[in-house]
Protein backbone atom coordinates (compact mmCIF):
# COMPACT_ATOMS: atom_id res chain seq x y z
CA MET A 1 72.41 -3.10 -1.92
CA SER A 2 72.06 -2.23 -5.33
CA ASP A 3 69.76 0.06 -6.13
CA ASN A 4 67.36 -2.15 -7.85
CA LEU A 5 66.81 -4.16 -4.65
CA LEU A 6 66.45 -0.73 -2.57
CA GLU A 7 63.38 0.17 -4.74
CA ALA A 8 62.06 -3.09 -4.19
CA GLU A 9 62.36 -2.74 -0.77
CA ALA A 10 60.49 0.17 -0.73
CA LEU A 11 57.87 -0.95 -2.98
CA LEU A 12 57.05 -3.67 -0.20
CA VAL A 13 56.54 -1.41 2.27
CA GLN A 14 54.36 0.79 0.08
CA LEU A 15 52.35 -2.64 -0.58
CA PRO A 16 50.12 -2.99 2.18
CA ASP A 17 48.87 0.19 1.80
CA ALA A 18 47.97 0.29 -1.83
CA VAL A 19 46.08 -2.99 -1.53
CA THR A 20 44.18 -1.45 1.07
CA ARG A 21 43.56 1.85 -0.99
CA ARG A 22 42.85 -0.61 -3.78
CA ARG A 23 40.32 -2.95 -1.71
CA LEU A 24 38.93 0.34 -0.61
CA GLY A 25 38.59 2.26 -3.90
CA GLU A 26 36.70 -1.32 -5.35
CA ARG A 27 34.50 -1.06 -2.23
CA LEU A 28 33.86 2.88 -2.78
CA GLY A 29 33.00 1.59 -6.52
CA GLU A 30 30.76 -0.64 -5.39
CA ALA A 31 28.68 1.31 -2.58
CA VAL A 32 28.09 4.14 -5.53
CA THR A 33 26.84 1.17 -7.77
CA VAL A 34 24.83 0.00 -4.88
CA LEU A 35 23.78 3.32 -3.39
CA LYS A 36 22.42 4.44 -7.26
CA SER A 37 19.22 3.34 -5.75
CA ALA A 38 18.51 5.32 -3.08
CA ASP A 39 16.90 8.06 -3.96
CA ALA A 40 14.16 5.69 -5.42
CA GLN A 41 14.21 3.82 -2.22
CA ILE A 42 13.45 7.31 -0.39
CA THR A 43 10.79 7.97 -2.39
CA ARG A 44 9.31 4.64 -1.94
CA ILE A 45 9.44 4.64 1.63
CA GLN A 46 7.81 7.82 1.96
CA ALA A 47 4.80 6.87 -0.19
CA LEU A 48 4.62 3.47 1.97
CA LEU A 49 4.19 5.31 4.64
CA GLU A 50 1.81 7.87 3.84
CA THR A 51 0.13 4.66 2.79
CA ALA A 52 0.07 3.30 5.70
CA GLU A 53 -1.33 6.56 7.43
CA LEU A 54 -4.14 6.30 4.98
CA LEU A 55 -4.92 2.53 5.68
CA GLY A 56 -4.33 3.00 9.74
CA TYR A 57 -1.84 0.14 9.45
CA GLY A 58 0.14 0.13 12.18
CA ARG A 59 -2.21 0.75 15.00
CA LEU A 60 -1.54 -2.75 15.66
CA PRO A 61 1.71 -3.74 17.45
CA GLN A 62 2.40 -6.45 15.09
CA GLN A 63 2.09 -3.70 12.39
CA ARG A 64 4.37 -1.44 14.13
CA GLU A 65 6.72 -3.83 14.72
CA VAL A 66 7.05 -3.76 10.60
CA ILE A 67 7.42 -0.74 10.02
CA ASP A 68 9.97 -0.07 13.12
CA GLU A 69 11.98 -3.03 11.66
CA MET A 70 12.29 -1.20 8.55
CA ILE A 71 13.22 2.48 10.27
CA GLY A 72 16.00 0.78 12.28
CA TRP A 73 17.71 -0.89 9.47
CA ALA A 74 17.67 2.09 7.32
CA ARG A 75 19.40 4.39 10.34
CA ARG A 76 21.95 1.18 10.87
CA ALA A 77 22.58 1.23 7.16
CA GLY A 78 23.01 4.93 7.27
CA THR A 79 24.96 5.14 10.20
CA SER A 80 27.32 2.40 8.52
CA LEU A 81 27.76 3.37 5.75
CA GLU A 82 28.41 6.95 7.13
CA GLU A 83 30.98 5.73 9.69
CA ALA A 84 32.80 2.95 7.19
CA GLU A 85 36.39 4.00 7.42
CA ASP A 86 38.16 1.32 5.56
CA GLY A 87 37.14 -1.21 3.07
CA ASP A 88 35.94 -4.11 5.18
CA ARG A 89 33.52 -1.98 6.92
CA LEU A 90 31.87 -0.68 4.03
CA ARG A 91 31.57 -3.93 2.75
CA ARG A 92 29.78 -4.51 5.51
CA ALA A 93 27.89 -1.38 5.61
CA VAL A 94 26.76 -2.07 1.43
CA ASP A 95 25.54 -5.49 2.25
CA GLU A 96 23.16 -3.94 5.07
CA TYR A 97 21.74 -1.53 2.85
CA LYS A 98 21.53 -4.12 0.01
CA VAL A 99 20.20 -7.30 2.15
CA SER A 100 18.55 -6.26 5.23
CA PHE A 101 17.54 -2.99 4.46
CA VAL A 102 15.77 -3.66 1.35
CA GLN A 103 14.27 -6.78 2.79
CA ALA A 104 13.00 -4.44 5.47
CA VAL A 105 11.05 -2.68 2.86
CA ALA A 106 10.05 -5.48 0.88
CA ALA A 107 8.51 -6.57 3.78
CA LEU A 108 6.87 -3.48 4.84
CA GLU A 109 5.49 -3.31 1.25
CA ARG A 110 4.26 -6.50 1.35
CA ALA A 111 2.40 -5.88 4.56
CA ILE A 112 0.86 -2.66 3.34
CA PHE A 113 -0.12 -4.39 0.38
CA ASP A 114 -1.88 -7.31 1.89
CA GLN A 115 -3.69 -4.77 4.13
CA TRP A 116 -4.77 -2.82 1.19
CA HIS A 117 -6.14 -5.68 -0.26
CA THR A 118 -8.19 -6.68 3.15
CA GLN A 119 -9.73 -3.04 3.12
CA ALA A 120 -10.10 -3.16 -0.49
CA MET A 121 -12.35 -6.17 -0.93
CA ALA A 122 -14.60 -5.12 2.36
CA LYS A 123 -15.02 -1.60 1.20
CA PHE A 124 -15.48 -2.12 -2.84
CA GLN A 125 -17.63 -5.43 -3.26
CA PRO A 126 -20.58 -3.79 -1.45
CA LEU A 127 -20.48 -0.52 -3.35
CA VAL A 128 -20.41 -2.94 -6.93
CA GLU A 129 -23.63 -4.68 -5.10
CA LEU A 130 -25.17 -2.04 -4.24
CA GLY A 131 -24.78 -0.35 -7.66
CA ARG A 132 -25.87 -3.05 -9.50
CA LEU A 133 -29.04 -3.45 -7.22
CA LEU A 134 -29.67 0.28 -7.74
CA LEU A 135 -29.33 -0.10 -11.48
CA ALA A 136 -31.54 -2.95 -11.91
CA LEU A 137 -33.98 -1.40 -9.26
CA ASN A 138 -34.28 1.51 -11.75
CA VAL A 139 -33.40 3.93 -8.56
CA ALA A 140 -31.07 6.40 -8.19
CA LYS A 141 -29.46 5.85 -11.77
CA ASP A 142 -26.38 7.78 -11.83
CA LEU A 143 -25.45 7.18 -8.12
CA GLY A 144 -25.73 2.98 -8.98
CA SER A 145 -23.39 3.65 -11.96
CA ARG A 146 -20.91 5.89 -10.29
CA LEU A 147 -20.89 2.98 -7.15
CA VAL A 148 -20.22 0.51 -9.61
CA ASN A 149 -17.18 2.31 -11.56
CA CYS A 150 -16.09 3.05 -7.92
CA GLY A 151 -16.25 -0.38 -6.33
CA GLU A 152 -14.61 -2.07 -9.74
CA ALA A 153 -11.73 0.34 -9.73
CA GLY A 154 -11.47 -0.31 -5.92
CA LEU A 155 -11.29 -4.08 -6.64
CA ALA A 156 -8.97 -3.53 -9.27
CA SER A 157 -6.83 -1.47 -7.59
CA VAL A 158 -4.98 -4.50 -5.62
CA ARG A 159 -3.19 -4.90 -8.97
CA ILE A 160 -1.38 -1.56 -9.00
CA GLY A 161 2.59 -1.96 -9.46
CA SER A 162 4.77 0.75 -7.31
CA ALA A 163 4.35 2.01 -3.86
CA THR A 164 3.64 5.36 -5.05
CA GLU A 165 1.61 4.55 -7.98
CA ARG A 166 -0.53 2.73 -5.13
CA LEU A 167 -0.39 5.84 -2.93
CA SER A 168 -1.76 7.79 -5.52
CA MET A 169 -4.82 5.10 -6.08
CA VAL A 170 -5.47 4.49 -2.31
CA ARG A 171 -5.84 8.27 -1.63
CA HIS A 172 -8.11 8.90 -4.75
CA LEU A 173 -10.07 5.79 -4.55
CA LEU A 174 -11.23 6.14 -0.53
CA ALA A 175 -12.16 10.08 -1.48
CA ASN A 176 -14.39 8.79 -4.09
CA TYR A 177 -15.57 6.23 -1.51
CA GLN A 178 -16.31 9.10 1.32
CA ALA A 179 -17.71 10.82 -1.36
CA LEU A 180 -20.30 7.85 -2.76
CA GLN A 181 -21.10 7.54 0.95
CA GLU A 182 -22.30 10.70 1.84
CA ALA A 183 -24.29 10.46 -1.53
CA ARG A 184 -25.94 6.78 -0.67
CA SER A 185 -26.94 8.44 2.58
CA THR A 186 -28.53 11.63 0.99
CA GLU A 187 -30.34 9.09 -1.61
CA LEU A 188 -31.40 6.40 0.42
CA GLY A 189 -30.73 7.60 3.89
CA ASP A 190 -29.52 5.85 7.01
CA ASP A 191 -32.99 5.07 8.68
CA GLU A 192 -35.09 1.61 7.13
CA VAL A 193 -34.90 2.07 3.97
CA GLY A 194 -31.47 2.42 3.76
CA GLU A 195 -30.99 -0.48 5.37
CA PHE A 196 -33.24 -2.33 3.39
CA ILE A 197 -31.48 -1.23 0.43
CA LYS A 198 -27.74 -2.12 1.89
CA ALA A 199 -29.85 -5.61 2.63
CA LEU A 200 -30.62 -6.46 -0.32
CA ALA A 201 -27.26 -5.79 -1.66
CA ASP A 202 -25.54 -8.02 0.43
CA ASN A 203 -28.98 -10.68 -0.37
CA ARG A 204 -30.24 -10.79 3.56
CA ALA A 205 -32.91 -8.53 3.30
CA THR A 206 -36.02 -10.20 4.55
CA LEU A 207 -40.03 -9.32 4.36
CA ALA A 208 -40.11 -8.36 8.20
CA MET A 209 -37.77 -5.47 7.20
CA VAL A 210 -40.41 -4.08 4.54
CA THR A 211 -41.84 -1.50 6.98
CA PRO A 212 -44.81 1.09 5.82
CA LYS A 213 -41.83 3.13 5.08
CA VAL A 214 -40.02 1.20 3.10
CA HIS A 215 -42.76 -0.20 0.94
CA SER A 216 -43.81 3.52 0.43
CA TRP A 217 -40.36 4.39 -0.89
CA LEU A 218 -40.28 1.57 -3.05
CA THR A 219 -43.88 2.53 -4.46
CA SER A 220 -42.89 5.85 -4.93
CA HIS A 221 -39.39 4.82 -6.86
CA ASN A 222 -42.06 2.35 -8.81
CA ALA A 223 -39.43 -0.45 -7.43
CA LEU A 224 -41.67 -2.86 -6.06
CA ASP A 225 -42.20 -5.05 -9.48
CA SER A 226 -37.94 -5.42 -9.48
CA ILE A 227 -37.81 -7.16 -5.74
CA GLY A 228 -38.74 -11.15 -6.07
CA VAL A 229 -39.56 -12.98 -3.13
CA THR A 230 -37.30 -16.52 -2.38
CA THR A 231 -37.04 -18.63 1.13
CA ARG A 232 -33.71 -19.59 2.84
């Protein structure tokens, strides 16, 4: 057998291993490219889970399922990437990461966004109405403007983009909301006066709610002439 044939035969024996190594190298290159987003995904997930905690998301079974689904795919993708020993397994692991895992994270983010949108409308729209009423009544003007500003910021926050930006905004707004609730309670009280003012802001006040204490409070704040009477 000629030297050329011997060399060709040796190359043929080595070729499957060379192809396997090349394929593995290609998969490794793809994995490195895909996993460049891993740090950003970790930061995103941390922000989402912290936001979920702030909003009480995850207390309902269907909400917990969304969180558990994301966590499950994160574990599966991590284990598959760690244990991949050849090109095919590495390809499947990369696919799990960039498709199933990323989709699970996106689903959690959408769910938390919906939760915040619902809570923001419920919490901050009434603040705007109450603040505007206090300004119109010329009562607690500083509190009125603060309520309006916080309410409008809360309503606008549903348009905040990234998970980390939303976490920062939610944390700030909820703290401000709580502080304003305490200020409202101090200024208006939680008795019939406070209830009447809140009812006015919600457009559900009636003359029956104007107790002597409410009338006295309105008189002392020169607010009687600012309130009109309409029929339902």
